[in-house]
């Protein structure tokens, strides 16, 4: 039986532990992206922080499958600009209004 078939039945802590093993290279054959639907927002945020610390950016792009590199870069630039202008850290506030499509 493949591990991905067990994901819906794993509890929160087991999923976080598996994610940590994947990030650290201890678990092979499982793509980190398949865990995303089973993680809550806080766990996903924590996971992204871990990936940023390790400078492992590819799985982060998988979290945003409908956005290209240019759009992700633009989102990052908007967050930095907003934080610089307001003097507040973007992680401490709701910045969802920065990502509305401008058409």
C-alpha atoms as a PDB file:
ATOM      1  CA  UNK A   1       0.000   0.000   0.000  1.00  0.00           C
ATOM      2  CA  UNK A   2       1.313   3.418  -0.906  1.00  0.00           C
ATOM      3  CA  UNK A   3       1.773   6.016   1.786  1.00  0.00           C
ATOM      4  CA  UNK A   4      -0.352   8.570  -0.051  1.00  0.00           C
ATOM      5  CA  UNK A   5      -3.364   6.291   0.377  1.00  0.00           C
ATOM      6  CA  UNK A   6      -2.984   6.639   4.155  1.00  0.00           C
ATOM      7  CA  UNK A   7      -2.831  10.449   4.244  1.00  0.00           C
ATOM      8  CA  UNK A   8      -6.579  10.985   4.772  1.00  0.00           C
ATOM      9  CA  UNK A   9      -6.440   8.754   7.839  1.00  0.00           C
ATOM     10  CA  UNK A  10      -3.388  10.296   9.484  1.00  0.00           C
ATOM     11  CA  UNK A  11      -3.835  12.735  12.355  1.00  0.00           C
ATOM     12  CA  UNK A  12      -2.417  16.248  12.461  1.00  0.00           C
ATOM     13  CA  UNK A  13       0.759  15.325  14.336  1.00  0.00           C
ATOM     14  CA  UNK A  14       1.529  12.385  12.041  1.00  0.00           C
ATOM     15  CA  UNK A  15       1.169  14.640   9.004  1.00  0.00           C
ATOM     16  CA  UNK A  16       3.468  17.273  10.521  1.00  0.00           C
ATOM     17  CA  UNK A  17       6.018  14.594  11.398  1.00  0.00           C
ATOM     18  CA  UNK A  18       5.887  13.210   7.858  1.00  0.00           C
ATOM     19  CA  UNK A  19       6.315  16.708   6.414  1.00  0.00           C
ATOM     20  CA  UNK A  20       9.378  17.273   8.610  1.00  0.00           C
ATOM     21  CA  UNK A  21      10.871  13.966   7.455  1.00  0.00           C
ATOM     22  CA  UNK A  22      10.295  14.880   3.817  1.00  0.00           C
ATOM     23  CA  UNK A  23      11.902  18.304   4.294  1.00  0.00           C
ATOM     24  CA  UNK A  24      14.900  16.767   6.074  1.00  0.00           C
ATOM     25  CA  UNK A  25      15.308  14.108   3.382  1.00  0.00           C
ATOM     26  CA  UNK A  26      14.447  11.247   5.741  1.00  0.00           C
ATOM     27  CA  UNK A  27      11.345  10.157   3.787  1.00  0.00           C
ATOM     28  CA  UNK A  28      11.819   9.366   0.114  1.00  0.00           C
ATOM     29  CA  UNK A  29       9.252   8.725  -2.577  1.00  0.00           C
ATOM     30  CA  UNK A  30       6.648  11.124  -1.176  1.00  0.00           C
ATOM     31  CA  UNK A  31       6.192  14.570  -2.659  1.00  0.00           C
ATOM     32  CA  UNK A  32       5.579  17.225  -0.018  1.00  0.00           C
ATOM     33  CA  UNK A  33       2.891  18.802  -2.188  1.00  0.00           C
ATOM     34  CA  UNK A  34       0.530  15.850  -1.647  1.00  0.00           C
ATOM     35  CA  UNK A  35       0.357  16.736   2.062  1.00  0.00           C
ATOM     36  CA  UNK A  36      -0.924  20.285   1.501  1.00  0.00           C
ATOM     37  CA  UNK A  37      -4.647  19.452   1.292  1.00  0.00           C
ATOM     38  CA  UNK A  38      -4.447  17.637   4.624  1.00  0.00           C
ATOM     39  CA  UNK A  39      -2.714  20.420   6.574  1.00  0.00           C
ATOM     40  CA  UNK A  40      -4.539  23.296   8.217  1.00  0.00           C
ATOM     41  CA  UNK A  41      -3.542  26.905   7.587  1.00  0.00           C
ATOM     42  CA  UNK A  42      -1.290  27.205  10.648  1.00  0.00           C
ATOM     43  CA  UNK A  43       0.569  23.990   9.843  1.00  0.00           C
ATOM     44  CA  UNK A  44       0.996  25.023   6.220  1.00  0.00           C
ATOM     45  CA  UNK A  45       2.361  28.414   7.321  1.00  0.00           C
ATOM     46  CA  UNK A  46       4.809  26.657   9.643  1.00  0.00           C
ATOM     47  CA  UNK A  47       5.830  24.332   6.835  1.00  0.00           C
ATOM     48  CA  UNK A  48       6.475  27.256   4.482  1.00  0.00           C
ATOM     49  CA  UNK A  49       8.613  28.918   7.176  1.00  0.00           C
ATOM     50  CA  UNK A  50      10.693  25.744   7.475  1.00  0.00           C
ATOM     51  CA  UNK A  51      11.131  25.581   3.710  1.00  0.00           C
ATOM     52  CA  UNK A  52      12.220  29.222   3.604  1.00  0.00           C
ATOM     53  CA  UNK A  53      14.765  28.620   6.373  1.00  0.00           C
ATOM     54  CA  UNK A  54      16.233  25.734   4.386  1.00  0.00           C
ATOM     55  CA  UNK A  55      16.029  27.775   1.163  1.00  0.00           C
ATOM     56  CA  UNK A  56      13.969  24.987  -0.396  1.00  0.00           C
ATOM     57  CA  UNK A  57      11.632  27.011  -2.607  1.00  0.00           C
ATOM     58  CA  UNK A  58      10.335  24.433  -5.078  1.00  0.00           C
ATOM     59  CA  UNK A  59       7.696  22.929  -2.721  1.00  0.00           C
ATOM     60  CA  UNK A  60       6.418  26.445  -1.996  1.00  0.00           C
ATOM     61  CA  UNK A  61       5.660  26.933  -5.666  1.00  0.00           C
ATOM     62  CA  UNK A  62       3.609  23.739  -5.466  1.00  0.00           C
ATOM     63  CA  UNK A  63       1.413  25.377  -2.861  1.00  0.00           C
ATOM     64  CA  UNK A  64       0.472  27.980  -5.446  1.00  0.00           C
ATOM     65  CA  UNK A  65      -0.038  25.779  -8.526  1.00  0.00           C
ATOM     66  CA  UNK A  66      -1.938  28.355 -10.582  1.00  0.00           C
ATOM     67  CA  UNK A  67       0.618  31.117 -10.203  1.00  0.00           C
ATOM     68  CA  UNK A  68       3.808  31.454 -12.186  1.00  0.00           C
ATOM     69  CA  UNK A  69       7.187  32.558 -10.875  1.00  0.00           C
ATOM     70  CA  UNK A  70       6.547  36.149 -11.973  1.00  0.00           C
ATOM     71  CA  UNK A  71       3.274  36.358 -10.022  1.00  0.00           C
ATOM     72  CA  UNK A  72       4.858  34.850  -6.907  1.00  0.00           C
ATOM     73  CA  UNK A  73       7.737  37.342  -7.195  1.00  0.00           C
ATOM     74  CA  UNK A  74       5.232  40.176  -7.558  1.00  0.00           C
ATOM     75  CA  UNK A  75       3.395  38.966  -4.432  1.00  0.00           C
ATOM     76  CA  UNK A  76       6.659  38.915  -2.490  1.00  0.00           C
ATOM     77  CA  UNK A  77       7.576  42.407  -3.715  1.00  0.00           C
ATOM     78  CA  UNK A  78       4.132  43.696  -2.683  1.00  0.00           C
ATOM     79  CA  UNK A  79       4.510  42.243   0.819  1.00  0.00           C
ATOM     80  CA  UNK A  80       7.973  43.752   1.256  1.00  0.00           C
ATOM     81  CA  UNK A  81       6.807  47.129  -0.061  1.00  0.00           C
ATOM     82  CA  UNK A  82       3.795  47.126   2.257  1.00  0.00           C
ATOM     83  CA  UNK A  83       5.915  46.156   5.265  1.00  0.00           C
ATOM     84  CA  UNK A  84       8.447  48.867   4.436  1.00  0.00           C
ATOM     85  CA  UNK A  85       5.797  51.561   4.031  1.00  0.00           C
ATOM     86  CA  UNK A  86       3.869  50.700   7.161  1.00  0.00           C
ATOM     87  CA  UNK A  87       6.769  49.556   9.328  1.00  0.00           C
ATOM     88  CA  UNK A  88       4.861  46.374  10.143  1.00  0.00           C
ATOM     89  CA  UNK A  89       5.866  42.805   9.468  1.00  0.00           C
ATOM     90  CA  UNK A  90       3.642  41.251   6.830  1.00  0.00           C
ATOM     91  CA  UNK A  91       3.372  38.018   8.811  1.00  0.00           C
ATOM     92  CA  UNK A  92       1.675  39.873  11.655  1.00  0.00           C
ATOM     93  CA  UNK A  93      -1.229  41.206   9.633  1.00  0.00           C
ATOM     94  CA  UNK A  94      -3.782  40.279   7.030  1.00  0.00           C
ATOM     95  CA  UNK A  95      -2.306  41.173   3.663  1.00  0.00           C
ATOM     96  CA  UNK A  96      -4.892  39.395   1.531  1.00  0.00           C
ATOM     97  CA  UNK A  97      -5.960  42.729   0.011  1.00  0.00           C
ATOM     98  CA  UNK A  98      -2.508  42.976  -1.591  1.00  0.00           C
ATOM     99  CA  UNK A  99      -3.206  39.934  -3.743  1.00  0.00           C
ATOM    100  CA  UNK A 100      -6.435  40.946  -5.406  1.00  0.00           C
ATOM    101  CA  UNK A 101      -6.225  40.774  -9.191  1.00  0.00           C
ATOM    102  CA  UNK A 102      -5.807  44.111 -10.827  1.00  0.00           C
ATOM    103  CA  UNK A 103      -7.521  43.813 -14.191  1.00  0.00           C
END
